[in-house]
Amino acid sequence: MVVGILCINVYLSGSLSLKDKRRIIRSSLARVQNKFNVSAAEVDFQDDWHRSGFGFSCVTNETGHADSMMGAVLRFIESDPQMEVIGVSTEVIHL
């Protein structure tokens, strides 16, 4: 079993309040989950209006598939005009 983990920190310049930020985040995470069938959550900076930390994970049987899934999720987040990616870390765990 191979577990792919992706952590992305983003800057939200258009967010005017925590309520506005959470609306943007919920929408983005739902689109990623529906499109790529990965687990997704906001894992950092919950109380900051302009920053957020996302965590994504997938379980597969091949390292290449985990890498390609995490790369596709990253490109999808980078293409969102409401967010600017400011940090990325990935890890692949073999169990």
N, C-alpha and C. Protein backbone atom coordinates (compact mmCIF):
# COMPACT_ATOMS: atom_id res chain seq x y z
N MET A 1 0.85 -1.17 0.00
CA MET A 1 0.00 0.00 0.00
C MET A 1 0.90 1.24 0.00
N VAL A 2 0.52 2.22 -0.79
CA VAL A 2 1.25 3.48 -0.90
C VAL A 2 0.29 4.62 -0.55
N VAL A 3 0.74 5.51 0.35
CA VAL A 3 -0.05 6.66 0.76
C VAL A 3 0.66 7.92 0.28
N GLY A 4 -0.04 8.73 -0.50
CA GLY A 4 0.50 10.01 -0.96
C GLY A 4 -0.07 11.13 -0.12
N ILE A 5 0.80 12.01 0.37
CA ILE A 5 0.38 13.13 1.21
C ILE A 5 0.89 14.42 0.57
N LEU A 6 0.00 15.40 0.49
CA LEU A 6 0.33 16.71 -0.08
C LEU A 6 -0.16 17.79 0.87
N CYS A 7 0.74 18.69 1.26
CA CYS A 7 0.37 19.85 2.08
C CYS A 7 0.64 21.11 1.26
N ILE A 8 -0.36 21.97 1.18
CA ILE A 8 -0.25 23.20 0.41
C ILE A 8 -0.65 24.38 1.29
N ASN A 9 0.21 25.40 1.36
CA ASN A 9 -0.14 26.66 2.01
C ASN A 9 -0.49 27.67 0.94
N VAL A 10 -1.61 28.37 1.13
CA VAL A 10 -2.06 29.34 0.14
C VAL A 10 -2.33 30.68 0.79
N TYR A 11 -2.25 31.72 -0.04
CA TYR A 11 -2.59 33.08 0.36
C TYR A 11 -3.86 33.47 -0.38
N LEU A 12 -4.85 33.98 0.36
CA LEU A 12 -6.13 34.37 -0.21
C LEU A 12 -6.24 35.89 -0.16
N SER A 13 -5.91 36.56 -1.23
CA SER A 13 -5.90 38.03 -1.22
C SER A 13 -7.31 38.61 -1.24
N GLY A 14 -8.28 37.91 -1.78
CA GLY A 14 -9.63 38.44 -1.91
C GLY A 14 -10.53 38.19 -0.71
N SER A 15 -10.02 37.53 0.32
CA SER A 15 -10.83 37.21 1.49
C SER A 15 -11.01 38.45 2.37
N LEU A 16 -12.27 38.77 2.69
CA LEU A 16 -12.57 39.95 3.49
C LEU A 16 -12.93 39.63 4.94
N SER A 17 -13.18 38.35 5.23
CA SER A 17 -13.53 37.92 6.58
C SER A 17 -13.31 36.42 6.70
N LEU A 18 -13.39 35.91 7.92
CA LEU A 18 -13.28 34.46 8.09
C LEU A 18 -14.41 33.73 7.39
N LYS A 19 -15.60 34.32 7.41
CA LYS A 19 -16.75 33.71 6.74
C LYS A 19 -16.49 33.62 5.23
N ASP A 20 -15.96 34.67 4.66
CA ASP A 20 -15.63 34.69 3.23
C ASP A 20 -14.55 33.66 2.92
N LYS A 21 -13.52 33.59 3.77
CA LYS A 21 -12.43 32.63 3.57
C LYS A 21 -12.98 31.21 3.61
N ARG A 22 -13.81 30.90 4.58
CA ARG A 22 -14.34 29.55 4.71
C ARG A 22 -15.22 29.16 3.53
N ARG A 23 -15.93 30.12 2.95
CA ARG A 23 -16.72 29.86 1.75
C ARG A 23 -15.81 29.46 0.59
N ILE A 24 -14.73 30.20 0.41
CA ILE A 24 -13.77 29.91 -0.66
C ILE A 24 -13.12 28.54 -0.44
N ILE A 25 -12.71 28.28 0.79
CA ILE A 25 -12.02 27.02 1.12
C ILE A 25 -12.95 25.82 0.93
N ARG A 26 -14.16 25.90 1.47
CA ARG A 26 -15.10 24.79 1.33
C ARG A 26 -15.38 24.45 -0.13
N SER A 27 -15.56 25.49 -0.94
CA SER A 27 -15.82 25.29 -2.36
C SER A 27 -14.63 24.61 -3.04
N SER A 28 -13.44 25.10 -2.76
CA SER A 28 -12.25 24.56 -3.39
C SER A 28 -12.00 23.11 -2.98
N LEU A 29 -12.14 22.81 -1.70
CA LEU A 29 -11.91 21.44 -1.23
C LEU A 29 -12.94 20.47 -1.81
N ALA A 30 -14.19 20.90 -1.92
CA ALA A 30 -15.23 20.05 -2.49
C ALA A 30 -14.94 19.75 -3.96
N ARG A 31 -14.49 20.76 -4.71
CA ARG A 31 -14.16 20.54 -6.12
C ARG A 31 -13.01 19.55 -6.28
N VAL A 32 -11.98 19.67 -5.42
CA VAL A 32 -10.84 18.75 -5.48
C VAL A 32 -11.29 17.33 -5.14
N GLN A 33 -12.09 17.18 -4.09
CA GLN A 33 -12.55 15.85 -3.70
C GLN A 33 -13.39 15.20 -4.81
N ASN A 34 -14.26 15.97 -5.42
CA ASN A 34 -15.11 15.43 -6.47
C ASN A 34 -14.32 15.08 -7.73
N LYS A 35 -13.36 15.91 -8.08
CA LYS A 35 -12.61 15.71 -9.32
C LYS A 35 -11.57 14.58 -9.21
N PHE A 36 -10.87 14.51 -8.05
CA PHE A 36 -9.74 13.59 -7.93
C PHE A 36 -9.96 12.43 -6.97
N ASN A 37 -11.06 12.41 -6.25
CA ASN A 37 -11.35 11.34 -5.29
C ASN A 37 -10.22 11.17 -4.27
N VAL A 38 -9.80 12.27 -3.66
CA VAL A 38 -8.78 12.26 -2.61
C VAL A 38 -9.41 12.80 -1.32
N SER A 39 -8.78 12.51 -0.21
CA SER A 39 -9.20 13.11 1.06
C SER A 39 -8.62 14.51 1.12
N ALA A 40 -9.42 15.46 1.63
CA ALA A 40 -8.97 16.85 1.66
C ALA A 40 -9.52 17.55 2.89
N ALA A 41 -8.69 18.42 3.50
CA ALA A 41 -9.13 19.18 4.67
C ALA A 41 -8.28 20.43 4.82
N GLU A 42 -8.85 21.44 5.48
CA GLU A 42 -8.06 22.59 5.88
C GLU A 42 -7.38 22.21 7.18
N VAL A 43 -6.06 22.24 7.20
CA VAL A 43 -5.31 21.71 8.35
C VAL A 43 -4.48 22.76 9.08
N ASP A 44 -4.43 23.98 8.59
CA ASP A 44 -3.60 25.00 9.23
C ASP A 44 -4.16 26.39 8.95
N PHE A 45 -3.85 27.33 9.81
CA PHE A 45 -4.23 28.74 9.68
C PHE A 45 -5.75 28.94 9.65
N GLN A 46 -6.50 28.18 10.47
CA GLN A 46 -7.96 28.28 10.45
C GLN A 46 -8.47 29.67 10.85
N ASP A 47 -7.75 30.39 11.68
CA ASP A 47 -8.22 31.69 12.16
C ASP A 47 -7.57 32.88 11.46
N ASP A 48 -6.85 32.64 10.40
CA ASP A 48 -6.21 33.71 9.63
C ASP A 48 -7.04 33.98 8.37
N TRP A 49 -7.43 35.22 8.16
CA TRP A 49 -8.29 35.58 7.03
C TRP A 49 -7.66 35.34 5.68
N HIS A 50 -6.34 35.50 5.60
CA HIS A 50 -5.68 35.52 4.30
C HIS A 50 -4.79 34.31 4.02
N ARG A 51 -4.68 33.39 4.95
CA ARG A 51 -3.85 32.20 4.73
C ARG A 51 -4.65 30.95 5.04
N SER A 52 -4.23 29.87 4.40
CA SER A 52 -4.84 28.58 4.69
C SER A 52 -3.82 27.48 4.40
N GLY A 53 -3.97 26.39 5.10
CA GLY A 53 -3.14 25.21 4.85
C GLY A 53 -4.05 24.04 4.53
N PHE A 54 -3.82 23.43 3.38
CA PHE A 54 -4.61 22.28 2.93
C PHE A 54 -3.81 21.01 3.12
N GLY A 55 -4.51 19.93 3.43
CA GLY A 55 -3.91 18.61 3.47
C GLY A 55 -4.70 17.69 2.55
N PHE A 56 -4.00 16.97 1.69
CA PHE A 56 -4.62 16.03 0.77
C PHE A 56 -3.92 14.68 0.91
N SER A 57 -4.68 13.60 0.73
CA SER A 57 -4.05 12.28 0.75
C SER A 57 -4.78 11.34 -0.19
N CYS A 58 -4.03 10.36 -0.68
CA CYS A 58 -4.61 9.30 -1.50
C CYS A 58 -3.93 7.99 -1.15
N VAL A 59 -4.65 6.91 -1.33
CA VAL A 59 -4.11 5.57 -1.10
C VAL A 59 -4.17 4.82 -2.42
N THR A 60 -3.06 4.20 -2.78
CA THR A 60 -2.98 3.48 -4.04
C THR A 60 -2.01 2.31 -3.89
N ASN A 61 -1.73 1.63 -4.97
CA ASN A 61 -0.78 0.51 -4.91
C ASN A 61 0.52 0.82 -5.66
N GLU A 62 0.66 2.02 -6.24
CA GLU A 62 1.86 2.38 -7.00
C GLU A 62 2.34 3.77 -6.63
N THR A 63 3.64 3.92 -6.49
CA THR A 63 4.23 5.21 -6.16
C THR A 63 3.98 6.22 -7.27
N GLY A 64 4.09 5.81 -8.51
CA GLY A 64 3.88 6.71 -9.64
C GLY A 64 2.47 7.26 -9.67
N HIS A 65 1.50 6.43 -9.34
CA HIS A 65 0.11 6.89 -9.32
C HIS A 65 -0.09 7.92 -8.21
N ALA A 66 0.48 7.69 -7.04
CA ALA A 66 0.38 8.65 -5.93
C ALA A 66 1.02 9.99 -6.33
N ASP A 67 2.20 9.93 -6.95
CA ASP A 67 2.87 11.15 -7.39
C ASP A 67 2.04 11.92 -8.42
N SER A 68 1.47 11.20 -9.37
CA SER A 68 0.69 11.88 -10.41
C SER A 68 -0.60 12.47 -9.83
N MET A 69 -1.23 11.78 -8.90
CA MET A 69 -2.44 12.32 -8.25
C MET A 69 -2.13 13.60 -7.49
N MET A 70 -1.06 13.58 -6.70
CA MET A 70 -0.70 14.76 -5.92
C MET A 70 -0.29 15.91 -6.83
N GLY A 71 0.39 15.61 -7.93
CA GLY A 71 0.75 16.64 -8.91
C GLY A 71 -0.47 17.26 -9.56
N ALA A 72 -1.46 16.43 -9.87
CA ALA A 72 -2.69 16.94 -10.49
C ALA A 72 -3.47 17.83 -9.52
N VAL A 73 -3.52 17.44 -8.26
CA VAL A 73 -4.20 18.26 -7.25
C VAL A 73 -3.48 19.60 -7.10
N LEU A 74 -2.16 19.58 -7.05
CA LEU A 74 -1.39 20.82 -6.94
C LEU A 74 -1.65 21.74 -8.13
N ARG A 75 -1.63 21.21 -9.33
CA ARG A 75 -1.89 22.04 -10.52
C ARG A 75 -3.31 22.62 -10.49
N PHE A 76 -4.26 21.85 -10.00
CA PHE A 76 -5.64 22.32 -9.89
C PHE A 76 -5.73 23.49 -8.91
N ILE A 77 -5.09 23.37 -7.76
CA ILE A 77 -5.09 24.46 -6.77
C ILE A 77 -4.37 25.68 -7.32
N GLU A 78 -3.25 25.47 -8.00
CA GLU A 78 -2.49 26.59 -8.58
C GLU A 78 -3.30 27.32 -9.65
N SER A 79 -4.22 26.64 -10.31
CA SER A 79 -5.00 27.28 -11.36
C SER A 79 -6.17 28.11 -10.81
N ASP A 80 -6.44 28.02 -9.52
CA ASP A 80 -7.54 28.78 -8.92
C ASP A 80 -7.10 30.24 -8.76
N PRO A 81 -7.80 31.18 -9.40
CA PRO A 81 -7.38 32.59 -9.34
C PRO A 81 -7.57 33.23 -7.97
N GLN A 82 -8.34 32.61 -7.08
CA GLN A 82 -8.57 33.18 -5.75
C GLN A 82 -7.44 32.87 -4.78
N MET A 83 -6.51 31.97 -5.17
CA MET A 83 -5.45 31.51 -4.28
C MET A 83 -4.09 31.64 -4.92
N GLU A 84 -3.11 31.95 -4.07
CA GLU A 84 -1.71 31.95 -4.49
C GLU A 84 -0.98 30.93 -3.63
N VAL A 85 -0.39 29.94 -4.26
CA VAL A 85 0.34 28.91 -3.52
C VAL A 85 1.64 29.50 -3.01
N ILE A 86 1.87 29.39 -1.69
CA ILE A 86 3.09 29.94 -1.09
C ILE A 86 3.98 28.87 -0.46
N GLY A 87 3.50 27.63 -0.41
CA GLY A 87 4.31 26.55 0.13
C GLY A 87 3.72 25.20 -0.20
N VAL A 88 4.61 24.24 -0.49
CA VAL A 88 4.16 22.89 -0.86
C VAL A 88 5.12 21.87 -0.23
N SER A 89 4.57 20.81 0.31
CA SER A 89 5.39 19.67 0.71
C SER A 89 4.62 18.39 0.37
N THR A 90 5.37 17.38 -0.06
CA THR A 90 4.77 16.10 -0.42
C THR A 90 5.54 14.99 0.25
N GLU A 91 4.86 13.88 0.43
CA GLU A 91 5.49 12.70 1.00
C GLU A 91 4.75 11.47 0.47
N VAL A 92 5.51 10.44 0.20
CA VAL A 92 4.93 9.16 -0.21
C VAL A 92 5.40 8.13 0.82
N ILE A 93 4.43 7.44 1.41
CA ILE A 93 4.73 6.46 2.46
C ILE A 93 4.37 5.07 1.93
N HIS A 94 5.29 4.14 2.08
CA HIS A 94 5.06 2.74 1.69
C HIS A 94 4.78 1.93 2.95
N LEU A 95 3.63 1.28 2.97
CA LEU A 95 3.25 0.47 4.13
C LEU A 95 3.18 -0.98 3.74
